[in-house]
Amino acid sequence: MNIYVGNLSRDVTEADVREAFGAFGQLASVTIIKDKFTGESRGFGFVEMPSSGEAQSAIAGLNGKDLKGRTLNVSEARPRPEGRDRKRGGGGGGGGGGGRRMGRDRGSW
């Protein structure tokens, strides 16, 4: 089961999250989402636990608990919404035009 972990302090490391969730069972992965330009934590992450029962125990046991001065928001991760093209960034495009066009008597491109 994939678990969302929100409201993480910027000081929290993957090792801190692994330690907190490890008390509830086996972990498949721990990922803290980071800003791609600064490398700083974006304040949330995901924990994957193979056992649904252990994952539910972790959610119940850690939601609302303090980790390094911040109250955690822990819940089952929801899948990304369908229909969004994340690679293209959505909307827009086109453009161009403007500028002066050169005529025959002024030279050509």
PDB file of N, CA and C in Angstrom:
ATOM      1  N   MET A   1       0.845  -1.174   0.000  1.00  0.00           N
ATOM      2  CA  MET A   1       0.000   0.000   0.000  1.00  0.00           C
ATOM      3  C   MET A   1       0.891   1.239   0.000  1.00  0.00           C
ATOM      4  N   ASN A   2       0.500   2.240  -0.776  1.00  0.00           N
ATOM      5  CA  ASN A   2       1.227   3.487  -0.861  1.00  0.00           C
ATOM      6  C   ASN A   2       0.594   4.493   0.098  1.00  0.00           C
ATOM      7  N   ILE A   3       1.418   5.129   0.933  1.00  0.00           N
ATOM      8  CA  ILE A   3       0.942   6.033   1.975  1.00  0.00           C
ATOM      9  C   ILE A   3       1.497   7.426   1.728  1.00  0.00           C
ATOM     10  N   TYR A   4       0.607   8.430   1.801  1.00  0.00           N
ATOM     11  CA  TYR A   4       0.998   9.834   1.693  1.00  0.00           C
ATOM     12  C   TYR A   4       1.381  10.339   3.079  1.00  0.00           C
ATOM     13  N   VAL A   5       2.489  11.060   3.162  1.00  0.00           N
ATOM     14  CA  VAL A   5       2.932  11.660   4.425  1.00  0.00           C
ATOM     15  C   VAL A   5       3.128  13.150   4.172  1.00  0.00           C
ATOM     16  N   GLY A   6       2.273  13.977   4.770  1.00  0.00           N
ATOM     17  CA  GLY A   6       2.334  15.416   4.541  1.00  0.00           C
ATOM     18  C   GLY A   6       2.713  16.194   5.781  1.00  0.00           C
ATOM     19  N   ASN A   7       2.977  17.476   5.573  1.00  0.00           N
ATOM     20  CA  ASN A   7       3.362  18.424   6.618  1.00  0.00           C
ATOM     21  C   ASN A   7       4.701  18.055   7.250  1.00  0.00           C
ATOM     22  N   LEU A   8       5.615  17.570   6.418  1.00  0.00           N
ATOM     23  CA  LEU A   8       6.944  17.226   6.910  1.00  0.00           C
ATOM     24  C   LEU A   8       7.788  18.478   7.099  1.00  0.00           C
ATOM     25  N   SER A   9       8.558  18.496   8.163  1.00  0.00           N
ATOM     26  CA  SER A   9       9.519  19.565   8.397  1.00  0.00           C
ATOM     27  C   SER A   9      10.607  19.482   7.332  1.00  0.00           C
ATOM     28  N   ARG A  10      11.195  20.607   7.001  1.00  0.00           N
ATOM     29  CA  ARG A  10      12.288  20.624   6.020  1.00  0.00           C
ATOM     30  C   ARG A  10      13.511  19.846   6.531  1.00  0.00           C
ATOM     31  N   ASP A  11      13.565  19.657   7.855  1.00  0.00           N
ATOM     32  CA  ASP A  11      14.699  18.950   8.465  1.00  0.00           C
ATOM     33  C   ASP A  11      14.540  17.432   8.458  1.00  0.00           C
ATOM     34  N   VAL A  12      13.360  16.934   8.138  1.00  0.00           N
ATOM     35  CA  VAL A  12      13.108  15.489   8.179  1.00  0.00           C
ATOM     36  C   VAL A  12      13.807  14.813   7.006  1.00  0.00           C
ATOM     37  N   THR A  13      14.493  13.713   7.308  1.00  0.00           N
ATOM     38  CA  THR A  13      15.179  12.933   6.275  1.00  0.00           C
ATOM     39  C   THR A  13      14.392  11.641   6.006  1.00  0.00           C
ATOM     40  N   GLU A  14      14.764  10.968   4.928  1.00  0.00           N
ATOM     41  CA  GLU A  14      14.133   9.683   4.635  1.00  0.00           C
ATOM     42  C   GLU A  14      14.415   8.688   5.756  1.00  0.00           C
ATOM     43  N   ALA A  15      15.569   8.799   6.385  1.00  0.00           N
ATOM     44  CA  ALA A  15      15.901   7.916   7.514  1.00  0.00           C
ATOM     45  C   ALA A  15      14.951   8.156   8.691  1.00  0.00           C
ATOM     46  N   ASP A  16      14.587   9.423   8.945  1.00  0.00           N
ATOM     47  CA  ASP A  16      13.633   9.739  10.017  1.00  0.00           C
ATOM     48  C   ASP A  16      12.269   9.110   9.736  1.00  0.00           C
ATOM     49  N   VAL A  17      11.824   9.216   8.492  1.00  0.00           N
ATOM     50  CA  VAL A  17      10.521   8.660   8.109  1.00  0.00           C
ATOM     51  C   VAL A  17      10.579   7.133   8.179  1.00  0.00           C
ATOM     52  N   ARG A  18      11.687   6.568   7.719  1.00  0.00           N
ATOM     53  CA  ARG A  18      11.870   5.110   7.754  1.00  0.00           C
ATOM     54  C   ARG A  18      11.802   4.601   9.198  1.00  0.00           C
ATOM     55  N   GLU A  19      12.421   5.328  10.112  1.00  0.00           N
ATOM     56  CA  GLU A  19      12.414   4.939  11.519  1.00  0.00           C
ATOM     57  C   GLU A  19      10.994   4.999  12.101  1.00  0.00           C
ATOM     58  N   ALA A  20      10.267   6.070  11.809  1.00  0.00           N
ATOM     59  CA  ALA A  20       8.908   6.223  12.347  1.00  0.00           C
ATOM     60  C   ALA A  20       7.971   5.140  11.818  1.00  0.00           C
ATOM     61  N   PHE A  21       8.014   4.877  10.510  1.00  0.00           N
ATOM     62  CA  PHE A  21       7.114   3.891   9.909  1.00  0.00           C
ATOM     63  C   PHE A  21       7.586   2.463  10.154  1.00  0.00           C
ATOM     64  N   GLY A  22       8.886   2.275  10.306  1.00  0.00           N
ATOM     65  CA  GLY A  22       9.440   0.946  10.535  1.00  0.00           C
ATOM     66  C   GLY A  22       8.924   0.298  11.809  1.00  0.00           C
ATOM     67  N   ALA A  23       8.495   1.103  12.763  1.00  0.00           N
ATOM     68  CA  ALA A  23       7.936   0.574  14.011  1.00  0.00           C
ATOM     69  C   ALA A  23       6.623  -0.170  13.772  1.00  0.00           C
ATOM     70  N   PHE A  24       6.003   0.048  12.601  1.00  0.00           N
ATOM     71  CA  PHE A  24       4.711  -0.571  12.302  1.00  0.00           C
ATOM     72  C   PHE A  24       4.808  -1.761  11.356  1.00  0.00           C
ATOM     73  N   GLY A  25       6.000  -1.995  10.779  1.00  0.00           N
ATOM     74  CA  GLY A  25       6.143  -3.146   9.889  1.00  0.00           C
ATOM     75  C   GLY A  25       7.200  -2.926   8.829  1.00  0.00           C
ATOM     76  N   GLN A  26       7.182  -3.820   7.857  1.00  0.00           N
ATOM     77  CA  GLN A  26       8.168  -3.816   6.783  1.00  0.00           C
ATOM     78  C   GLN A  26       7.886  -2.687   5.792  1.00  0.00           C
ATOM     79  N   LEU A  27       8.957  -2.044   5.305  1.00  0.00           N
ATOM     80  CA  LEU A  27       8.840  -0.954   4.337  1.00  0.00           C
ATOM     81  C   LEU A  27       9.433  -1.385   3.002  1.00  0.00           C
ATOM     82  N   ALA A  28       8.730  -1.059   1.922  1.00  0.00           N
ATOM     83  CA  ALA A  28       9.273  -1.325   0.589  1.00  0.00           C
ATOM     84  C   ALA A  28      10.079  -0.128   0.096  1.00  0.00           C
ATOM     85  N   SER A  29       9.589   1.090   0.381  1.00  0.00           N
ATOM     86  CA  SER A  29      10.310   2.289  -0.045  1.00  0.00           C
ATOM     87  C   SER A  29       9.845   3.504   0.751  1.00  0.00           C
ATOM     88  N   VAL A  30      10.730   4.483   0.819  1.00  0.00           N
ATOM     89  CA  VAL A  30      10.438   5.773   1.445  1.00  0.00           C
ATOM     90  C   VAL A  30      10.989   6.842   0.510  1.00  0.00           C
ATOM     91  N   THR A  31      10.157   7.823   0.154  1.00  0.00           N
ATOM     92  CA  THR A  31      10.585   8.889  -0.735  1.00  0.00           C
ATOM     93  C   THR A  31      10.065  10.224  -0.215  1.00  0.00           C
ATOM     94  N   ILE A  32      10.961  11.173  -0.034  1.00  0.00           N
ATOM     95  CA  ILE A  32      10.567  12.548   0.281  1.00  0.00           C
ATOM     96  C   ILE A  32      10.688  13.333  -1.016  1.00  0.00           C
ATOM     97  N   ILE A  33       9.638  14.023  -1.397  1.00  0.00           N
ATOM     98  CA  ILE A  33       9.631  14.774  -2.648  1.00  0.00           C
ATOM     99  C   ILE A  33      10.411  16.068  -2.464  1.00  0.00           C
ATOM    100  N   LYS A  34      11.330  16.312  -3.405  1.00  0.00           N
ATOM    101  CA  LYS A  34      12.197  17.485  -3.320  1.00  0.00           C
ATOM    102  C   LYS A  34      11.985  18.399  -4.519  1.00  0.00           C
ATOM    103  N   ASP A  35      12.213  19.676  -4.310  1.00  0.00           N
ATOM    104  CA  ASP A  35      12.150  20.661  -5.387  1.00  0.00           C
ATOM    105  C   ASP A  35      13.265  20.358  -6.385  1.00  0.00           C
ATOM    106  N   LYS A  36      12.934  20.321  -7.667  1.00  0.00           N
ATOM    107  CA  LYS A  36      13.935  19.910  -8.652  1.00  0.00           C
ATOM    108  C   LYS A  36      15.022  20.961  -8.875  1.00  0.00           C
ATOM    109  N   PHE A  37      14.768  22.206  -8.485  1.00  0.00           N
ATOM    110  CA  PHE A  37      15.782  23.241  -8.676  1.00  0.00           C
ATOM    111  C   PHE A  37      16.645  23.450  -7.438  1.00  0.00           C
ATOM    112  N   THR A  38      16.026  23.467  -6.251  1.00  0.00           N
ATOM    113  CA  THR A  38      16.772  23.749  -5.027  1.00  0.00           C
ATOM    114  C   THR A  38      17.212  22.495  -4.289  1.00  0.00           C
ATOM    115  N   GLY A  39      16.528  21.375  -4.533  1.00  0.00           N
ATOM    116  CA  GLY A  39      16.841  20.141  -3.828  1.00  0.00           C
ATOM    117  C   GLY A  39      16.265  20.078  -2.422  1.00  0.00           C
ATOM    118  N   GLU A  40      15.513  21.120  -2.020  1.00  0.00           N
ATOM    119  CA  GLU A  40      14.908  21.145  -0.688  1.00  0.00           C
ATOM    120  C   GLU A  40      13.614  20.341  -0.671  1.00  0.00           C
ATOM    121  N   SER A  41      13.295  19.828   0.503  1.00  0.00           N
ATOM    122  CA  SER A  41      12.053  19.075   0.681  1.00  0.00           C
ATOM    123  C   SER A  41      10.856  19.960   0.350  1.00  0.00           C
ATOM    124  N   ARG A  42       9.863  19.378  -0.308  1.00  0.00           N
ATOM    125  CA  ARG A  42       8.616  20.104  -0.588  1.00  0.00           C
ATOM    126  C   ARG A  42       7.598  19.897   0.533  1.00  0.00           C
ATOM    127  N   GLY A  43       7.997  19.169   1.591  1.00  0.00           N
ATOM    128  CA  GLY A  43       7.134  19.025   2.762  1.00  0.00           C
ATOM    129  C   GLY A  43       6.203  17.829   2.730  1.00  0.00           C
ATOM    130  N   PHE A  44       6.408  16.935   1.765  1.00  0.00           N
ATOM    131  CA  PHE A  44       5.604  15.711   1.733  1.00  0.00           C
ATOM    132  C   PHE A  44       6.393  14.591   1.091  1.00  0.00           C
ATOM    133  N   GLY A  45       5.869  13.382   1.272  1.00  0.00           N
ATOM    134  CA  GLY A  45       6.531  12.224   0.700  1.00  0.00           C
ATOM    135  C   GLY A  45       5.612  11.022   0.688  1.00  0.00           C
ATOM    136  N   PHE A  46       6.177   9.876   0.348  1.00  0.00           N
ATOM    137  CA  PHE A  46       5.400   8.647   0.233  1.00  0.00           C
ATOM    138  C   PHE A  46       6.166   7.491   0.861  1.00  0.00           C
ATOM    139  N   VAL A  47       5.411   6.614   1.501  1.00  0.00           N
ATOM    140  CA  VAL A  47       5.962   5.393   2.078  1.00  0.00           C
ATOM    141  C   VAL A  47       5.178   4.238   1.479  1.00  0.00           C
ATOM    142  N   GLU A  48       5.890   3.225   1.022  1.00  0.00           N
ATOM    143  CA  GLU A  48       5.221   2.039   0.491  1.00  0.00           C
ATOM    144  C   GLU A  48       5.459   0.883   1.446  1.00  0.00           C
ATOM    145  N   MET A  49       4.340   0.255   1.861  1.00  0.00           N
ATOM    146  CA  MET A  49       4.407  -0.897   2.765  1.00  0.00           C
ATOM    147  C   MET A  49       3.710  -2.068   2.088  1.00  0.00           C
ATOM    148  N   PRO A  50       4.377  -3.236   2.027  1.00  0.00           N
ATOM    149  CA  PRO A  50       3.790  -4.391   1.341  1.00  0.00           C
ATOM    150  C   PRO A  50       2.530  -4.927   2.020  1.00  0.00           C
ATOM    151  N   SER A  51       2.444  -4.830   3.337  1.00  0.00           N
ATOM    152  CA  SER A  51       1.293  -5.364   4.064  1.00  0.00           C
ATOM    153  C   SER A  51       0.252  -4.279   4.298  1.00  0.00           C
ATOM    154  N   SER A  52      -0.951  -4.523   3.791  1.00  0.00           N
ATOM    155  CA  SER A  52      -2.044  -3.555   3.965  1.00  0.00           C
ATOM    156  C   SER A  52      -2.388  -3.347   5.435  1.00  0.00           C
ATOM    157  N   GLY A  53      -2.355  -4.424   6.210  1.00  0.00           N
ATOM    158  CA  GLY A  53      -2.667  -4.333   7.638  1.00  0.00           C
ATOM    159  C   GLY A  53      -1.656  -3.481   8.390  1.00  0.00           C
ATOM    160  N   GLU A  54      -0.373  -3.682   8.088  1.00  0.00           N
ATOM    161  CA  GLU A  54       0.678  -2.888   8.717  1.00  0.00           C
ATOM    162  C   GLU A  54       0.570  -1.427   8.281  1.00  0.00           C
ATOM    163  N   ALA A  55       0.234  -1.209   7.008  1.00  0.00           N
ATOM    164  CA  ALA A  55       0.076   0.156   6.490  1.00  0.00           C
ATOM    165  C   ALA A  55      -1.066   0.873   7.203  1.00  0.00           C
ATOM    166  N   GLN A  56      -2.196   0.179   7.392  1.00  0.00           N
ATOM    167  CA  GLN A  56      -3.335   0.786   8.096  1.00  0.00           C
ATOM    168  C   GLN A  56      -2.955   1.116   9.542  1.00  0.00           C
ATOM    169  N   SER A  57      -2.186   0.254  10.185  1.00  0.00           N
ATOM    170  CA  SER A  57      -1.710   0.505  11.550  1.00  0.00           C
ATOM    171  C   SER A  57      -0.805   1.735  11.595  1.00  0.00           C
ATOM    172  N   ALA A  58       0.061   1.867  10.598  1.00  0.00           N
ATOM    173  CA  ALA A  58       0.959   3.016  10.535  1.00  0.00           C
ATOM    174  C   ALA A  58       0.170   4.306  10.332  1.00  0.00           C
ATOM    175  N   ILE A  59      -0.828   4.272   9.461  1.00  0.00           N
ATOM    176  CA  ILE A  59      -1.661   5.456   9.223  1.00  0.00           C
ATOM    177  C   ILE A  59      -2.354   5.865  10.515  1.00  0.00           C
ATOM    178  N   ALA A  60      -2.973   4.895  11.187  1.00  0.00           N
ATOM    179  CA  ALA A  60      -3.682   5.184  12.434  1.00  0.00           C
ATOM    180  C   ALA A  60      -2.729   5.650  13.534  1.00  0.00           C
ATOM    181  N   GLY A  61      -1.546   5.062  13.577  1.00  0.00           N
ATOM    182  CA  GLY A  61      -0.602   5.380  14.637  1.00  0.00           C
ATOM    183  C   GLY A  61       0.173   6.671  14.445  1.00  0.00           C
ATOM    184  N   LEU A  62       0.341   7.119  13.192  1.00  0.00           N
ATOM    185  CA  LEU A  62       1.179   8.295  12.941  1.00  0.00           C
ATOM    186  C   LEU A  62       0.418   9.544  12.521  1.00  0.00           C
ATOM    187  N   ASN A  63      -0.808   9.403  12.025  1.00  0.00           N
ATOM    188  CA  ASN A  63      -1.575  10.578  11.625  1.00  0.00           C
ATOM    189  C   ASN A  63      -1.834  11.462  12.843  1.00  0.00           C
ATOM    190  N   GLY A  64      -1.442  12.721  12.747  1.00  0.00           N
ATOM    191  CA  GLY A  64      -1.625  13.659  13.852  1.00  0.00           C
ATOM    192  C   GLY A  64      -0.501  13.663  14.870  1.00  0.00           C
ATOM    193  N   LYS A  65       0.491  12.797  14.683  1.00  0.00           N
ATOM    194  CA  LYS A  65       1.628  12.728  15.607  1.00  0.00           C
ATOM    195  C   LYS A  65       2.713  13.721  15.185  1.00  0.00           C
ATOM    196  N   ASP A  66       3.556  14.094  16.144  1.00  0.00           N
ATOM    197  CA  ASP A  66       4.625  15.054  15.919  1.00  0.00           C
ATOM    198  C   ASP A  66       5.894  14.351  15.417  1.00  0.00           C
ATOM    199  N   LEU A  67       6.514  14.922  14.379  1.00  0.00           N
ATOM    200  CA  LEU A  67       7.816  14.457  13.913  1.00  0.00           C
ATOM    201  C   LEU A  67       8.665  15.695  13.662  1.00  0.00           C
ATOM    202  N   LYS A  68       9.665  15.896  14.506  1.00  0.00           N
ATOM    203  CA  LYS A  68      10.573  17.046  14.414  1.00  0.00           C
ATOM    204  C   LYS A  68       9.818  18.385  14.399  1.00  0.00           C
ATOM    205  N   GLY A  69       8.832  18.501  15.292  1.00  0.00           N
ATOM    206  CA  GLY A  69       8.147  19.780  15.468  1.00  0.00           C
ATOM    207  C   GLY A  69       6.965  20.035  14.550  1.00  0.00           C
ATOM    208  N   ARG A  70       6.587  19.083  13.699  1.00  0.00           N
ATOM    209  CA  ARG A  70       5.448  19.263  12.794  1.00  0.00           C
ATOM    210  C   ARG A  70       4.464  18.111  12.991  1.00  0.00           C
ATOM    211  N   THR A  71       3.176  18.423  12.929  1.00  0.00           N
ATOM    212  CA  THR A  71       2.131  17.413  13.056  1.00  0.00           C
ATOM    213  C   THR A  71       1.921  16.749  11.701  1.00  0.00           C
ATOM    214  N   LEU A  72       2.130  15.444  11.642  1.00  0.00           N
ATOM    215  CA  LEU A  72       2.040  14.709  10.378  1.00  0.00           C
ATOM    216  C   LEU A  72       0.603  14.550   9.893  1.00  0.00           C
ATOM    217  N   ASN A  73       0.428  14.613   8.578  1.00  0.00           N
ATOM    218  CA  ASN A  73      -0.817  14.226   7.912  1.00  0.00           C
ATOM    219  C   ASN A  73      -0.506  12.936   7.171  1.00  0.00           C
ATOM    220  N   VAL A  74      -1.091  11.846   7.620  1.00  0.00           N
ATOM    221  CA  VAL A  74      -0.789  10.533   7.047  1.00  0.00           C
ATOM    222  C   VAL A  74      -2.088   9.908   6.566  1.00  0.00           C
ATOM    223  N   SER A  75      -2.100   9.473   5.304  1.00  0.00           N
ATOM    224  CA  SER A  75      -3.295   8.836   4.745  1.00  0.00           C
ATOM    225  C   SER A  75      -2.898   7.936   3.585  1.00  0.00           C
ATOM    226  N   GLU A  76      -3.844   7.120   3.151  1.00  0.00           N
ATOM    227  CA  GLU A  76      -3.582   6.294   1.968  1.00  0.00           C
ATOM    228  C   GLU A  76      -3.426   7.222   0.778  1.00  0.00           C
ATOM    229  N   ALA A  77      -2.382   7.000  -0.009  1.00  0.00           N
ATOM    230  CA  ALA A  77      -2.119   7.849  -1.169  1.00  0.00           C
ATOM    231  C   ALA A  77      -3.194   7.615  -2.222  1.00  0.00           C
ATOM    232  N   ARG A  78      -3.647   8.708  -2.822  1.00  0.00           N
ATOM    233  CA  ARG A  78      -4.621   8.620  -3.917  1.00  0.00           C
ATOM    234  C   ARG A  78      -3.868   8.619  -5.234  1.00  0.00           C
ATOM    235  N   PRO A  79      -4.379   7.891  -6.229  1.00  0.00           N
ATOM    236  CA  PRO A  79      -3.703   7.896  -7.532  1.00  0.00           C
ATOM    237  C   PRO A  79      -3.799   9.277  -8.176  1.00  0.00           C
ATOM    238  N   ARG A  80      -2.843   9.575  -9.036  1.00  0.00           N
ATOM    239  CA  ARG A  80      -2.874  10.847  -9.763  1.00  0.00           C
ATOM    240  C   ARG A  80      -4.112  10.910 -10.639  1.00  0.00           C
ATOM    241  N   PRO A  81      -4.695  12.094 -10.782  1.00  0.00           N
ATOM    242  CA  PRO A  81      -5.872  12.222 -11.648  1.00  0.00           C
ATOM    243  C   PRO A  81      -5.523  11.905 -13.095  1.00  0.00           C
ATOM    244  N   GLU A  82      -6.431  11.220 -13.761  1.00  0.00           N
ATOM    245  CA  GLU A  82      -6.229  10.883 -15.174  1.00  0.00           C
ATOM    246  C   GLU A  82      -6.464  12.119 -16.034  1.00  0.00           C
ATOM    247  N   GLY A  83      -5.891  12.111 -17.237  1.00  0.00           N
ATOM    248  CA  GLY A  83      -6.186  13.162 -18.199  1.00  0.00           C
ATOM    249  C   GLY A  83      -5.239  14.352 -18.149  1.00  0.00           C
ATOM    250  N   ARG A  84      -4.361  14.412 -17.176  1.00  0.00           N
ATOM    251  CA  ARG A  84      -3.405  15.513 -17.143  1.00  0.00           C
ATOM    252  C   ARG A  84      -2.118  15.066 -17.807  1.00  0.00           C
ATOM    253  N   ASP A  85      -1.674  15.833 -18.759  1.00  0.00           N
ATOM    254  CA  ASP A  85      -0.415  15.541 -19.428  1.00  0.00           C
ATOM    255  C   ASP A  85       0.689  16.270 -18.679  1.00  0.00           C
ATOM    256  N   ARG A  86       1.323  15.592 -17.734  1.00  0.00           N
ATOM    257  CA  ARG A  86       2.301  16.229 -16.854  1.00  0.00           C
ATOM    258  C   ARG A  86       3.595  16.591 -17.595  1.00  0.00           C
ATOM    259  N   LYS A  87       3.930  15.903 -18.672  1.00  0.00           N
ATOM    260  CA  LYS A  87       5.174  16.194 -19.373  1.00  0.00           C
ATOM    261  C   LYS A  87       5.076  17.496 -20.155  1.00  0.00           C
ATOM    262  N   ARG A  88       3.910  17.768 -20.716  1.00  0.00           N
ATOM    263  CA  ARG A  88       3.771  18.952 -21.551  1.00  0.00           C
ATOM    264  C   ARG A  88       3.427  20.190 -20.749  1.00  0.00           C
ATOM    265  N   GLY A  89       2.993  20.050 -19.520  1.00  0.00           N
ATOM    266  CA  GLY A  89       2.722  21.219 -18.710  1.00  0.00           C
ATOM    267  C   GLY A  89       1.352  21.814 -18.948  1.00  0.00           C
ATOM    268  N   GLY A  90       0.584  21.277 -19.845  1.00  0.00           N
ATOM    269  CA  GLY A  90      -0.785  21.729 -20.069  1.00  0.00           C
ATOM    270  C   GLY A  90      -0.868  23.045 -20.803  1.00  0.00           C
ATOM    271  N   GLY A  91      -1.994  23.270 -21.428  1.00  0.00           N
ATOM    272  CA  GLY A  91      -2.403  24.523 -22.071  1.00  0.00           C
ATOM    273  C   GLY A  91      -1.334  25.274 -22.833  1.00  0.00           C
ATOM    274  N   GLY A  92      -1.768  26.292 -23.507  1.00  0.00           N
ATOM    275  CA  GLY A  92      -0.856  27.217 -24.165  1.00  0.00           C
ATOM    276  C   GLY A  92      -0.320  26.692 -25.471  1.00  0.00           C
ATOM    277  N   GLY A  93       0.772  27.229 -25.859  1.00  0.00           N
ATOM    278  CA  GLY A  93       1.387  26.844 -27.121  1.00  0.00           C
ATOM    279  C   GLY A  93       1.122  27.923 -28.153  1.00  0.00           C
ATOM    280  N   GLY A  94       1.546  27.685 -29.349  1.00  0.00           N
ATOM    281  CA  GLY A  94       1.322  28.675 -30.398  1.00  0.00           C
ATOM    282  C   GLY A  94       2.279  29.834 -30.251  1.00  0.00           C
ATOM    283  N   GLY A  95       1.789  30.998 -30.584  1.00  0.00           N
ATOM    284  CA  GLY A  95       2.622  32.188 -30.478  1.00  0.00           C
ATOM    285  C   GLY A  95       3.275  32.486 -31.807  1.00  0.00           C
ATOM    286  N   GLY A  96       4.305  33.247 -31.767  1.00  0.00           N
ATOM    287  CA  GLY A  96       4.993  33.623 -32.992  1.00  0.00           C
ATOM    288  C   GLY A  96       4.336  34.844 -33.604  1.00  0.00           C
ATOM    289  N   GLY A  97       4.675  35.117 -34.821  1.00  0.00           N
ATOM    290  CA  GLY A  97       4.094  36.285 -35.483  1.00  0.00           C
ATOM    291  C   GLY A  97       4.780  37.560 -35.023  1.00  0.00           C
ATOM    292  N   GLY A  98       4.117  38.653 -35.286  1.00  0.00           N
ATOM    293  CA  GLY A  98       4.684  39.944 -34.899  1.00  0.00           C
ATOM    294  C   GLY A  98       5.867  40.290 -35.771  1.00  0.00           C
ATOM    295  N   GLY A  99       6.572  41.301 -35.416  1.00  0.00           N
ATOM    296  CA  GLY A  99       7.755  41.685 -36.176  1.00  0.00           C
ATOM    297  C   GLY A  99       7.387  42.262 -37.537  1.00  0.00           C
ATOM    298  N   ARG A 100       8.358  42.777 -38.227  1.00  0.00           N
ATOM    299  CA  ARG A 100       8.127  43.386 -39.531  1.00  0.00           C
ATOM    300  C   ARG A 100       8.481  42.413 -40.627  1.00  0.00           C
ATOM    301  N   ARG A 101       7.690  42.377 -41.611  1.00  0.00           N
ATOM    302  CA  ARG A 101       7.939  41.483 -42.732  1.00  0.00           C
ATOM    303  C   ARG A 101       8.635  42.232 -43.849  1.00  0.00           C
ATOM    304  N   MET A 102       9.634  41.637 -44.378  1.00  0.00           N
ATOM    305  CA  MET A 102      10.385  42.327 -45.414  1.00  0.00           C
ATOM    306  C   MET A 102       9.734  42.094 -46.772  1.00  0.00           C
ATOM    307  N   GLY A 103       9.574  43.153 -47.530  1.00  0.00           N
ATOM    308  CA  GLY A 103       8.962  43.064 -48.856  1.00  0.00           C
ATOM    309  C   GLY A 103      10.000  42.866 -49.930  1.00  0.00           C
ATOM    310  N   ARG A 104       9.517  42.756 -51.152  1.00  0.00           N
ATOM    311  CA  ARG A 104      10.414  42.536 -52.290  1.00  0.00           C
ATOM    312  C   ARG A 104      11.419  43.665 -52.474  1.00  0.00           C
ATOM    313  N   ASP A 105      10.945  44.862 -52.265  1.00  0.00           N
ATOM    314  CA  ASP A 105      11.861  45.980 -52.528  1.00  0.00           C
ATOM    315  C   ASP A 105      12.879  46.195 -51.427  1.00  0.00           C
ATOM    316  N   ARG A 106      12.751  45.498 -50.292  1.00  0.00           N
ATOM    317  CA  ARG A 106      13.696  45.689 -49.173  1.00  0.00           C
ATOM    318  C   ARG A 106      14.624  44.479 -48.984  1.00  0.00           C
ATOM    319  N   GLY A 107      14.559  43.553 -49.833  1.00  0.00           N
ATOM    320  CA  GLY A 107      15.387  42.357 -49.672  1.00  0.00           C
ATOM    321  C   GLY A 107      14.504  41.187 -49.341  1.00  0.00           C
ATOM    322  N   SER A 108      15.076  40.063 -49.217  1.00  0.00           N
ATOM    323  CA  SER A 108      14.297  38.896 -48.887  1.00  0.00           C
ATOM    324  C   SER A 108      15.015  38.080 -47.802  1.00  0.00           C
ATOM    325  N   TRP A 109      14.321  37.164 -47.256  1.00  0.00           N
ATOM    326  CA  TRP A 109      14.866  36.322 -46.172  1.00  0.00           C
ATOM    327  C   TRP A 109      15.763  35.329 -46.812  1.00  0.00           C
TER     328      TRP A 109
END
